[in-house]
């Protein structure tokens, strides 16, 4: 079963991507460092970033 990227919503191929676990136990899956940086370092909302699936679903 393929995982979905927490930020952009794309499917992650098995053997790729990364998993990030916060101290409270929340698990985030990322397909690339671009998604990881946008969510964790830049604290962007995926609904406001034009290249994510959540943005396209909203409009």
N, C-alpha and C. Protein backbone atom coordinates (compact mmCIF):
# COMPACT_ATOMS: atom_id res chain seq x y z
N UNK A 1 0.85 -1.18 0.00
CA UNK A 1 0.00 0.00 0.00
C UNK A 1 0.89 1.25 0.00
N UNK A 2 0.67 2.11 -0.95
CA UNK A 2 1.48 3.33 -1.06
C UNK A 2 0.96 4.38 -0.08
N UNK A 3 1.87 5.09 0.52
CA UNK A 3 1.52 6.17 1.45
C UNK A 3 1.27 7.45 0.65
N UNK A 4 0.58 8.40 1.26
CA UNK A 4 0.35 9.70 0.64
C UNK A 4 1.18 10.75 1.38
N UNK A 5 1.71 11.69 0.63
CA UNK A 5 2.48 12.78 1.21
C UNK A 5 1.54 13.66 2.05
N UNK A 6 1.97 13.97 3.25
CA UNK A 6 1.15 14.77 4.16
C UNK A 6 0.95 16.18 3.62
N UNK A 7 1.93 16.71 2.90
CA UNK A 7 1.84 18.09 2.43
C UNK A 7 1.16 18.19 1.07
N UNK A 8 1.69 17.53 0.05
CA UNK A 8 1.16 17.75 -1.30
C UNK A 8 0.07 16.77 -1.70
N UNK A 9 -0.01 15.62 -1.05
CA UNK A 9 -1.07 14.66 -1.35
C UNK A 9 -0.72 13.65 -2.42
N UNK A 10 0.48 13.71 -3.00
CA UNK A 10 0.90 12.73 -4.00
C UNK A 10 1.22 11.41 -3.34
N UNK A 11 1.10 10.33 -4.11
CA UNK A 11 1.45 9.01 -3.59
C UNK A 11 2.96 8.87 -3.53
N UNK A 12 3.44 8.17 -2.50
CA UNK A 12 4.87 7.95 -2.32
C UNK A 12 5.17 6.50 -2.72
N UNK A 13 6.09 6.32 -3.66
CA UNK A 13 6.48 4.99 -4.09
C UNK A 13 7.19 4.27 -2.95
N UNK A 14 6.99 2.96 -2.82
CA UNK A 14 7.69 2.20 -1.78
C UNK A 14 9.21 2.32 -1.94
N UNK A 15 9.90 2.54 -0.84
CA UNK A 15 11.35 2.68 -0.87
C UNK A 15 11.83 4.10 -1.06
N UNK A 16 10.91 5.06 -1.18
CA UNK A 16 11.29 6.46 -1.35
C UNK A 16 10.59 7.29 -0.29
N UNK A 17 10.92 8.57 -0.26
CA UNK A 17 10.27 9.47 0.69
C UNK A 17 10.86 9.35 2.08
N UNK A 18 10.25 10.05 3.03
CA UNK A 18 10.71 10.00 4.41
C UNK A 18 9.54 10.13 5.37
N UNK A 19 9.75 9.60 6.57
CA UNK A 19 8.75 9.65 7.62
C UNK A 19 9.30 10.53 8.74
N UNK A 20 8.48 11.45 9.23
CA UNK A 20 8.88 12.36 10.30
C UNK A 20 7.92 12.13 11.46
N UNK A 21 8.47 11.87 12.65
CA UNK A 21 7.65 11.63 13.84
C UNK A 21 7.90 12.73 14.85
N UNK A 22 6.83 13.45 15.24
CA UNK A 22 6.94 14.50 16.24
C UNK A 22 6.97 13.91 17.64
N UNK A 23 7.32 14.72 18.62
CA UNK A 23 7.40 14.25 20.01
C UNK A 23 6.06 13.77 20.55
N UNK A 24 4.96 14.34 20.02
CA UNK A 24 3.64 13.93 20.51
C UNK A 24 3.13 12.66 19.81
N UNK A 25 3.91 12.09 18.91
CA UNK A 25 3.54 10.85 18.24
C UNK A 25 2.90 11.03 16.88
N UNK A 26 2.71 12.25 16.43
CA UNK A 26 2.14 12.52 15.12
C UNK A 26 3.14 12.10 14.04
N UNK A 27 2.66 11.36 13.04
CA UNK A 27 3.52 10.88 11.97
C UNK A 27 3.20 11.63 10.69
N UNK A 28 4.24 12.18 10.05
CA UNK A 28 4.11 12.85 8.76
C UNK A 28 4.92 12.07 7.73
N UNK A 29 4.35 11.88 6.55
CA UNK A 29 5.06 11.26 5.43
C UNK A 29 5.31 12.32 4.37
N UNK A 30 6.53 12.38 3.85
CA UNK A 30 6.88 13.36 2.84
C UNK A 30 7.48 12.67 1.63
N UNK A 31 7.10 13.15 0.43
CA UNK A 31 7.64 12.57 -0.80
C UNK A 31 8.98 13.19 -1.17
N UNK A 32 9.25 14.42 -0.70
CA UNK A 32 10.49 15.09 -1.06
C UNK A 32 10.88 16.08 0.04
N UNK A 33 12.11 16.57 -0.05
CA UNK A 33 12.57 17.57 0.91
C UNK A 33 11.84 18.90 0.68
N UNK A 34 11.36 19.12 -0.54
CA UNK A 34 10.58 20.33 -0.85
C UNK A 34 9.31 20.36 0.02
N UNK A 35 8.61 19.24 0.11
CA UNK A 35 7.39 19.17 0.92
C UNK A 35 7.72 19.27 2.40
N UNK A 36 8.79 18.60 2.83
CA UNK A 36 9.18 18.63 4.25
C UNK A 36 9.52 20.04 4.68
N UNK A 37 10.30 20.75 3.89
CA UNK A 37 10.70 22.11 4.25
C UNK A 37 9.52 23.06 4.26
N UNK A 38 8.62 22.93 3.29
CA UNK A 38 7.45 23.80 3.24
C UNK A 38 6.56 23.62 4.46
N UNK A 39 6.43 22.41 4.94
CA UNK A 39 5.54 22.18 6.08
C UNK A 39 6.22 22.45 7.42
N UNK A 40 7.42 21.93 7.62
CA UNK A 40 8.06 22.00 8.94
C UNK A 40 8.85 23.28 9.16
N UNK A 41 9.65 23.69 8.20
CA UNK A 41 10.50 24.86 8.39
C UNK A 41 9.78 26.17 8.05
N UNK A 42 9.07 26.18 6.92
CA UNK A 42 8.40 27.40 6.48
C UNK A 42 6.97 27.53 7.00
N UNK A 43 6.44 26.43 7.57
CA UNK A 43 5.11 26.41 8.17
C UNK A 43 4.01 26.91 7.22
N UNK A 44 4.07 26.44 5.98
CA UNK A 44 3.07 26.84 4.99
C UNK A 44 1.84 25.94 5.05
N UNK A 45 0.71 26.50 4.68
CA UNK A 45 -0.55 25.77 4.63
C UNK A 45 -0.68 25.16 3.23
N UNK A 46 -0.83 23.83 3.11
CA UNK A 46 -0.91 23.22 1.79
C UNK A 46 -2.10 23.70 0.95
N UNK A 47 -3.13 24.23 1.61
CA UNK A 47 -4.29 24.73 0.86
C UNK A 47 -3.99 26.03 0.14
N UNK A 48 -2.88 26.72 0.52
CA UNK A 48 -2.53 28.00 -0.09
C UNK A 48 -1.34 27.91 -1.04
N UNK A 49 -0.78 26.71 -1.22
CA UNK A 49 0.36 26.52 -2.12
C UNK A 49 -0.16 25.94 -3.43
N UNK A 50 0.11 26.61 -4.54
CA UNK A 50 -0.55 26.32 -5.81
C UNK A 50 -0.28 24.93 -6.38
N UNK A 51 0.85 24.31 -6.08
CA UNK A 51 1.19 23.03 -6.70
C UNK A 51 0.72 21.81 -5.91
N UNK A 52 0.01 21.99 -4.81
CA UNK A 52 -0.47 20.85 -4.02
C UNK A 52 -1.86 20.41 -4.48
N UNK A 53 -2.20 19.18 -4.19
CA UNK A 53 -3.52 18.65 -4.55
C UNK A 53 -4.62 19.29 -3.73
N UNK A 54 -4.32 19.67 -2.49
CA UNK A 54 -5.33 20.32 -1.65
C UNK A 54 -5.72 21.69 -2.23
N UNK A 55 -4.75 22.40 -2.82
CA UNK A 55 -5.06 23.69 -3.44
C UNK A 55 -5.96 23.48 -4.65
N UNK A 56 -5.62 22.49 -5.48
CA UNK A 56 -6.42 22.22 -6.68
C UNK A 56 -7.81 21.74 -6.33
N UNK A 57 -7.95 21.01 -5.23
CA UNK A 57 -9.27 20.53 -4.80
C UNK A 57 -10.13 21.69 -4.33
N UNK A 58 -9.49 22.69 -3.72
CA UNK A 58 -10.21 23.85 -3.17
C UNK A 58 -10.77 24.76 -4.27
N UNK A 59 -10.07 24.87 -5.38
CA UNK A 59 -10.52 25.79 -6.44
C UNK A 59 -11.34 25.09 -7.49
